[in-house]
Amino acid sequence: MAVQDDCKLKFLELKAKRSYRFIVFKIEQQQVMVEKLGEPNESYEDFTATLPANECRYAVYDYDFTTTENFQRSKIFFVAWSPDIAKVRSKMVYASSKDRFKRELDGIQFELQATDPSEMSLDIVKRRAN
């Protein structure tokens, strides 16, 4: 599975410059490529709405929060989106290449695996981040 250079480049821009709130990646023709870039002002709901209901995707989300000590923090989540109704072959391709792809993105702090939106609700993200 090849990873387009653009994937790493956009991830670095998200991590270092905070140019994006999220990035959605898809596998097409044996390559991981950027499908959608979320603007810095987009919400978590905007992010989850971009994930297709019947297809697998990878995504990263830059989550901002305030700690109990009142410090501003940011954590980068990796999301492996694999809905139950996705094609079996697609689920297998995404599952088998996930770890290799994730290693290409240096700086991910948490991973969520979700088969439906409830498994990646904002409440779960908040609990994992704190």
N, C-alpha and C. Protein backbone atom coordinates (compact mmCIF):
# COMPACT_ATOMS: atom_id res chain seq x y z
N MET A 1 0.85 -1.19 0.00
CA MET A 1 0.00 0.00 0.00
C MET A 1 0.88 1.24 0.00
N ALA A 2 0.74 2.07 -1.00
CA ALA A 2 1.52 3.30 -1.09
C ALA A 2 0.79 4.43 -0.36
N VAL A 3 1.55 5.37 0.15
CA VAL A 3 0.99 6.55 0.81
C VAL A 3 1.47 7.76 0.02
N GLN A 4 0.53 8.53 -0.49
CA GLN A 4 0.91 9.74 -1.24
C GLN A 4 1.62 10.72 -0.31
N ASP A 5 2.63 11.40 -0.86
CA ASP A 5 3.40 12.37 -0.07
C ASP A 5 2.50 13.45 0.53
N ASP A 6 1.45 13.78 -0.21
CA ASP A 6 0.50 14.80 0.24
C ASP A 6 -0.09 14.47 1.61
N CYS A 7 -0.28 13.17 1.89
CA CYS A 7 -0.85 12.76 3.18
C CYS A 7 0.03 13.22 4.33
N LYS A 8 1.32 12.96 4.22
CA LYS A 8 2.25 13.35 5.28
C LYS A 8 2.40 14.86 5.35
N LEU A 9 2.45 15.50 4.19
CA LEU A 9 2.60 16.95 4.14
C LEU A 9 1.42 17.65 4.82
N LYS A 10 0.21 17.25 4.49
CA LYS A 10 -0.98 17.87 5.08
C LYS A 10 -1.06 17.58 6.58
N PHE A 11 -0.65 16.37 6.98
CA PHE A 11 -0.65 16.04 8.40
C PHE A 11 0.33 16.94 9.16
N LEU A 12 1.51 17.17 8.59
CA LEU A 12 2.49 18.06 9.23
C LEU A 12 1.94 19.48 9.35
N GLU A 13 1.20 19.92 8.33
CA GLU A 13 0.58 21.25 8.39
C GLU A 13 -0.48 21.32 9.49
N LEU A 14 -1.23 20.23 9.66
CA LEU A 14 -2.22 20.18 10.74
C LEU A 14 -1.51 20.22 12.09
N LYS A 15 -0.46 19.42 12.23
CA LYS A 15 0.23 19.29 13.51
C LYS A 15 1.03 20.56 13.86
N ALA A 16 1.79 21.07 12.93
CA ALA A 16 2.70 22.18 13.24
C ALA A 16 2.06 23.55 13.10
N LYS A 17 1.30 23.74 12.03
CA LYS A 17 0.74 25.06 11.75
C LYS A 17 -0.72 25.19 12.11
N ARG A 18 -1.36 24.06 12.43
CA ARG A 18 -2.78 24.04 12.75
C ARG A 18 -3.59 24.61 11.58
N SER A 19 -3.16 24.26 10.36
CA SER A 19 -3.82 24.74 9.14
C SER A 19 -5.19 24.10 8.93
N TYR A 20 -5.39 22.92 9.53
CA TYR A 20 -6.64 22.19 9.34
C TYR A 20 -7.13 21.69 10.69
N ARG A 21 -8.45 21.48 10.80
CA ARG A 21 -9.02 20.87 12.00
C ARG A 21 -8.97 19.34 11.86
N PHE A 22 -9.19 18.86 10.64
CA PHE A 22 -9.15 17.41 10.42
C PHE A 22 -8.76 17.10 8.98
N ILE A 23 -8.36 15.85 8.77
CA ILE A 23 -8.05 15.35 7.43
C ILE A 23 -8.71 13.98 7.30
N VAL A 24 -9.41 13.78 6.20
CA VAL A 24 -10.00 12.47 5.91
C VAL A 24 -9.19 11.87 4.77
N PHE A 25 -8.78 10.61 4.95
CA PHE A 25 -7.99 9.90 3.95
C PHE A 25 -8.80 8.74 3.40
N LYS A 26 -8.57 8.42 2.13
CA LYS A 26 -9.20 7.23 1.58
C LYS A 26 -8.18 6.45 0.77
N ILE A 27 -8.47 5.16 0.61
CA ILE A 27 -7.61 4.30 -0.20
C ILE A 27 -8.26 4.15 -1.56
N GLU A 28 -7.48 4.47 -2.57
CA GLU A 28 -7.95 4.34 -3.94
C GLU A 28 -6.80 3.84 -4.78
N GLN A 29 -7.03 2.82 -5.58
CA GLN A 29 -6.00 2.25 -6.46
C GLN A 29 -4.72 1.95 -5.68
N GLN A 30 -4.87 1.26 -4.56
CA GLN A 30 -3.74 0.83 -3.72
C GLN A 30 -2.90 1.98 -3.16
N GLN A 31 -3.51 3.16 -3.03
CA GLN A 31 -2.80 4.30 -2.46
C GLN A 31 -3.68 5.00 -1.43
N VAL A 32 -3.04 5.45 -0.36
CA VAL A 32 -3.75 6.29 0.61
C VAL A 32 -3.60 7.73 0.12
N MET A 33 -4.75 8.43 0.02
CA MET A 33 -4.72 9.82 -0.45
C MET A 33 -5.62 10.69 0.41
N VAL A 34 -5.38 12.00 0.35
CA VAL A 34 -6.21 12.95 1.08
C VAL A 34 -7.54 13.09 0.34
N GLU A 35 -8.64 12.93 1.08
CA GLU A 35 -9.96 13.12 0.48
C GLU A 35 -10.54 14.48 0.84
N LYS A 36 -10.39 14.89 2.12
CA LYS A 36 -11.00 16.15 2.56
C LYS A 36 -10.14 16.78 3.64
N LEU A 37 -10.02 18.10 3.56
CA LEU A 37 -9.33 18.88 4.58
C LEU A 37 -10.36 19.74 5.28
N GLY A 38 -10.40 19.66 6.61
CA GLY A 38 -11.34 20.47 7.38
C GLY A 38 -10.71 21.79 7.77
N GLU A 39 -11.43 22.87 7.54
CA GLU A 39 -10.95 24.20 7.90
C GLU A 39 -10.77 24.29 9.43
N PRO A 40 -9.86 25.15 9.90
CA PRO A 40 -9.59 25.26 11.34
C PRO A 40 -10.83 25.59 12.18
N ASN A 41 -11.83 26.26 11.58
CA ASN A 41 -13.02 26.66 12.35
C ASN A 41 -14.13 25.61 12.30
N GLU A 42 -13.91 24.48 11.63
CA GLU A 42 -14.96 23.47 11.54
C GLU A 42 -15.07 22.70 12.86
N SER A 43 -16.27 22.21 13.13
CA SER A 43 -16.55 21.54 14.41
C SER A 43 -16.37 20.02 14.30
N TYR A 44 -16.48 19.37 15.45
CA TYR A 44 -16.41 17.91 15.47
C TYR A 44 -17.58 17.32 14.69
N GLU A 45 -18.74 17.97 14.75
CA GLU A 45 -19.91 17.52 14.00
C GLU A 45 -19.66 17.62 12.49
N ASP A 46 -18.99 18.69 12.06
CA ASP A 46 -18.61 18.82 10.65
C ASP A 46 -17.72 17.66 10.24
N PHE A 47 -16.78 17.34 11.12
CA PHE A 47 -15.85 16.23 10.85
C PHE A 47 -16.61 14.91 10.69
N THR A 48 -17.43 14.56 11.68
CA THR A 48 -18.11 13.26 11.60
C THR A 48 -19.07 13.20 10.42
N ALA A 49 -19.61 14.35 10.01
CA ALA A 49 -20.53 14.37 8.87
C ALA A 49 -19.82 14.08 7.55
N THR A 50 -18.50 14.25 7.50
CA THR A 50 -17.77 13.99 6.25
C THR A 50 -17.47 12.51 6.05
N LEU A 51 -17.60 11.71 7.11
CA LEU A 51 -17.31 10.28 6.97
C LEU A 51 -18.50 9.58 6.32
N PRO A 52 -18.27 8.87 5.21
CA PRO A 52 -19.38 8.23 4.52
C PRO A 52 -20.00 7.11 5.35
N ALA A 53 -21.31 6.96 5.26
CA ALA A 53 -22.03 5.97 6.07
C ALA A 53 -21.72 4.53 5.67
N ASN A 54 -21.29 4.33 4.42
CA ASN A 54 -21.13 2.96 3.94
C ASN A 54 -19.75 2.64 3.39
N GLU A 55 -18.75 3.50 3.67
CA GLU A 55 -17.39 3.26 3.20
C GLU A 55 -16.38 3.51 4.31
N CYS A 56 -15.28 2.78 4.27
CA CYS A 56 -14.22 2.94 5.26
C CYS A 56 -13.37 4.17 4.94
N ARG A 57 -12.79 4.73 5.97
CA ARG A 57 -11.87 5.87 5.83
C ARG A 57 -10.91 5.86 7.01
N TYR A 58 -9.79 6.54 6.83
CA TYR A 58 -8.93 6.93 7.94
C TYR A 58 -9.12 8.43 8.10
N ALA A 59 -8.89 8.91 9.31
CA ALA A 59 -8.98 10.35 9.52
C ALA A 59 -8.12 10.73 10.71
N VAL A 60 -7.73 12.00 10.74
CA VAL A 60 -7.09 12.56 11.93
C VAL A 60 -7.88 13.81 12.30
N TYR A 61 -8.00 14.01 13.61
CA TYR A 61 -8.77 15.15 14.11
C TYR A 61 -7.94 15.83 15.20
N ASP A 62 -7.78 17.13 15.10
CA ASP A 62 -7.05 17.93 16.08
C ASP A 62 -8.06 18.46 17.08
N TYR A 63 -8.06 17.86 18.27
CA TYR A 63 -9.06 18.19 19.29
C TYR A 63 -8.48 19.17 20.30
N ASP A 64 -9.11 20.33 20.41
CA ASP A 64 -8.73 21.35 21.40
C ASP A 64 -9.59 21.20 22.64
N PHE A 65 -8.97 21.37 23.80
CA PHE A 65 -9.73 21.31 25.05
C PHE A 65 -8.99 22.07 26.14
N THR A 66 -9.68 22.30 27.23
CA THR A 66 -9.12 22.97 28.40
C THR A 66 -9.02 21.95 29.52
N THR A 67 -7.86 21.84 30.12
CA THR A 67 -7.66 20.88 31.21
C THR A 67 -8.35 21.37 32.48
N THR A 68 -8.41 20.50 33.47
CA THR A 68 -9.01 20.89 34.76
C THR A 68 -8.19 21.99 35.43
N GLU A 69 -6.90 22.10 35.07
CA GLU A 69 -6.05 23.17 35.60
C GLU A 69 -6.16 24.44 34.76
N ASN A 70 -7.09 24.44 33.80
CA ASN A 70 -7.36 25.59 32.94
C ASN A 70 -6.25 25.89 31.92
N PHE A 71 -5.59 24.85 31.44
CA PHE A 71 -4.60 24.99 30.37
C PHE A 71 -5.24 24.59 29.05
N GLN A 72 -4.88 25.33 27.99
CA GLN A 72 -5.34 24.96 26.65
C GLN A 72 -4.46 23.83 26.13
N ARG A 73 -5.06 22.78 25.65
CA ARG A 73 -4.33 21.63 25.11
C ARG A 73 -4.93 21.22 23.77
N SER A 74 -4.16 20.43 23.06
CA SER A 74 -4.61 19.89 21.78
C SER A 74 -4.09 18.47 21.68
N LYS A 75 -4.93 17.55 21.23
CA LYS A 75 -4.52 16.16 21.02
C LYS A 75 -4.95 15.75 19.62
N ILE A 76 -4.11 14.99 18.97
CA ILE A 76 -4.44 14.53 17.62
C ILE A 76 -4.91 13.08 17.69
N PHE A 77 -6.13 12.89 17.25
CA PHE A 77 -6.75 11.57 17.22
C PHE A 77 -6.65 10.97 15.83
N PHE A 78 -6.36 9.69 15.77
CA PHE A 78 -6.44 8.93 14.52
C PHE A 78 -7.74 8.13 14.59
N VAL A 79 -8.54 8.22 13.56
CA VAL A 79 -9.81 7.49 13.53
C VAL A 79 -9.77 6.48 12.39
N ALA A 80 -10.03 5.23 12.75
CA ALA A 80 -10.19 4.17 11.75
C ALA A 80 -11.70 3.93 11.63
N TRP A 81 -12.28 4.46 10.58
CA TRP A 81 -13.73 4.40 10.36
C TRP A 81 -14.03 3.21 9.46
N SER A 82 -14.79 2.26 10.00
CA SER A 82 -15.10 1.04 9.25
C SER A 82 -16.55 0.65 9.55
N PRO A 83 -17.51 1.29 8.88
CA PRO A 83 -18.92 1.02 9.19
C PRO A 83 -19.30 -0.42 8.88
N ASP A 84 -20.23 -0.94 9.68
CA ASP A 84 -20.67 -2.33 9.52
C ASP A 84 -21.15 -2.63 8.10
N ILE A 85 -21.76 -1.65 7.45
CA ILE A 85 -22.34 -1.91 6.13
C ILE A 85 -21.35 -1.71 4.98
N ALA A 86 -20.09 -1.41 5.30
CA ALA A 86 -19.06 -1.29 4.25
C ALA A 86 -18.79 -2.67 3.66
N LYS A 87 -18.28 -2.67 2.43
CA LYS A 87 -17.94 -3.93 1.78
C LYS A 87 -16.84 -4.65 2.55
N VAL A 88 -16.95 -5.96 2.63
CA VAL A 88 -15.99 -6.76 3.39
C VAL A 88 -14.56 -6.54 2.86
N ARG A 89 -14.41 -6.53 1.56
CA ARG A 89 -13.07 -6.33 0.98
C ARG A 89 -12.49 -4.99 1.43
N SER A 90 -13.30 -3.95 1.41
CA SER A 90 -12.84 -2.63 1.83
C SER A 90 -12.41 -2.66 3.29
N LYS A 91 -13.20 -3.29 4.14
CA LYS A 91 -12.85 -3.37 5.57
C LYS A 91 -11.52 -4.09 5.75
N MET A 92 -11.31 -5.16 4.98
CA MET A 92 -10.05 -5.91 5.08
C MET A 92 -8.86 -5.07 4.63
N VAL A 93 -9.01 -4.34 3.53
CA VAL A 93 -7.92 -3.50 3.02
C VAL A 93 -7.56 -2.42 4.05
N TYR A 94 -8.56 -1.76 4.60
CA TYR A 94 -8.30 -0.70 5.59
C TYR A 94 -7.68 -1.27 6.87
N ALA A 95 -8.21 -2.41 7.32
CA ALA A 95 -7.70 -3.01 8.55
C ALA A 95 -6.25 -3.46 8.38
N SER A 96 -5.93 -4.03 7.24
CA SER A 96 -4.58 -4.58 7.05
C SER A 96 -3.53 -3.50 6.81
N SER A 97 -3.92 -2.32 6.36
CA SER A 97 -2.92 -1.28 6.09
C SER A 97 -2.90 -0.17 7.14
N LYS A 98 -3.78 -0.26 8.13
CA LYS A 98 -3.91 0.82 9.13
C LYS A 98 -2.62 1.08 9.89
N ASP A 99 -2.01 0.06 10.45
CA ASP A 99 -0.82 0.28 11.29
C ASP A 99 0.32 0.88 10.49
N ARG A 100 0.51 0.41 9.27
CA ARG A 100 1.58 0.95 8.44
C ARG A 100 1.32 2.42 8.12
N PHE A 101 0.08 2.74 7.79
CA PHE A 101 -0.25 4.14 7.49
C PHE A 101 -0.08 5.03 8.72
N LYS A 102 -0.54 4.54 9.86
CA LYS A 102 -0.46 5.31 11.09
C LYS A 102 0.99 5.65 11.44
N ARG A 103 1.91 4.73 11.16
CA ARG A 103 3.33 4.98 11.43
C ARG A 103 3.88 6.13 10.59
N GLU A 104 3.28 6.37 9.44
CA GLU A 104 3.72 7.47 8.57
C GLU A 104 3.37 8.83 9.17
N LEU A 105 2.40 8.86 10.06
CA LEU A 105 1.92 10.12 10.65
C LEU A 105 2.46 10.24 12.07
N ASP A 106 3.58 10.90 12.20
CA ASP A 106 4.24 11.01 13.50
C ASP A 106 3.58 12.11 14.33
N GLY A 107 3.07 11.74 15.49
CA GLY A 107 2.47 12.75 16.36
C GLY A 107 1.03 12.43 16.75
N ILE A 108 0.55 11.26 16.38
CA ILE A 108 -0.81 10.86 16.77
C ILE A 108 -0.78 10.43 18.24
N GLN A 109 -1.74 10.93 19.02
CA GLN A 109 -1.73 10.64 20.45
C GLN A 109 -2.78 9.61 20.87
N PHE A 110 -3.85 9.49 20.11
CA PHE A 110 -4.90 8.53 20.45
C PHE A 110 -5.43 7.91 19.17
N GLU A 111 -6.00 6.73 19.32
CA GLU A 111 -6.66 6.09 18.19
C GLU A 111 -8.06 5.68 18.59
N LEU A 112 -8.99 5.91 17.68
CA LEU A 112 -10.36 5.44 17.85
C LEU A 112 -10.68 4.54 16.67
N GLN A 113 -11.28 3.39 16.97
CA GLN A 113 -11.79 2.54 15.91
C GLN A 113 -13.30 2.57 16.04
N ALA A 114 -13.97 2.89 14.95
CA ALA A 114 -15.42 3.05 15.01
C ALA A 114 -16.10 2.34 13.85
N THR A 115 -17.21 1.69 14.18
CA THR A 115 -18.03 1.05 13.15
C THR A 115 -19.37 1.77 13.01
N ASP A 116 -19.67 2.64 13.95
CA ASP A 116 -20.83 3.52 13.82
C ASP A 116 -20.54 4.80 14.60
N PRO A 117 -21.28 5.88 14.30
CA PRO A 117 -20.96 7.19 14.89
C PRO A 117 -20.93 7.21 16.42
N SER A 118 -21.70 6.37 17.08
CA SER A 118 -21.72 6.39 18.55
C SER A 118 -20.38 5.98 19.14
N GLU A 119 -19.58 5.23 18.40
CA GLU A 119 -18.28 4.78 18.90
C GLU A 119 -17.21 5.85 18.81
N MET A 120 -17.55 6.98 18.21
CA MET A 120 -16.59 8.09 18.14
C MET A 120 -17.28 9.40 18.50
N SER A 121 -18.20 9.32 19.43
CA SER A 121 -18.92 10.52 19.87
C SER A 121 -17.94 11.49 20.53
N LEU A 122 -18.33 12.75 20.59
CA LEU A 122 -17.48 13.76 21.21
C LEU A 122 -17.22 13.44 22.68
N ASP A 123 -18.18 12.82 23.36
CA ASP A 123 -17.98 12.43 24.76
C ASP A 123 -16.82 11.45 24.89
N ILE A 124 -16.72 10.50 23.97
CA ILE A 124 -15.63 9.52 24.00
C ILE A 124 -14.30 10.23 23.77
N VAL A 125 -14.28 11.14 22.82
CA VAL A 125 -13.06 11.90 22.52
C VAL A 125 -12.65 12.70 23.75
N LYS A 126 -13.59 13.37 24.39
CA LYS A 126 -13.28 14.16 25.60
C LYS A 126 -12.70 13.28 26.70
N ARG A 127 -13.30 12.11 26.93
CA ARG A 127 -12.81 11.21 27.97
C ARG A 127 -11.40 10.73 27.67
N ARG A 128 -11.13 10.41 26.41
CA ARG A 128 -9.81 9.91 26.03
C ARG A 128 -8.75 11.01 26.14
N ALA A 129 -9.12 12.23 25.86
CA ALA A 129 -8.15 13.33 25.82
C ALA A 129 -7.71 13.75 27.21
N ASN A 130 -8.60 13.68 28.18
CA ASN A 130 -8.28 14.17 29.54
C ASN A 130 -7.48 13.19 30.35
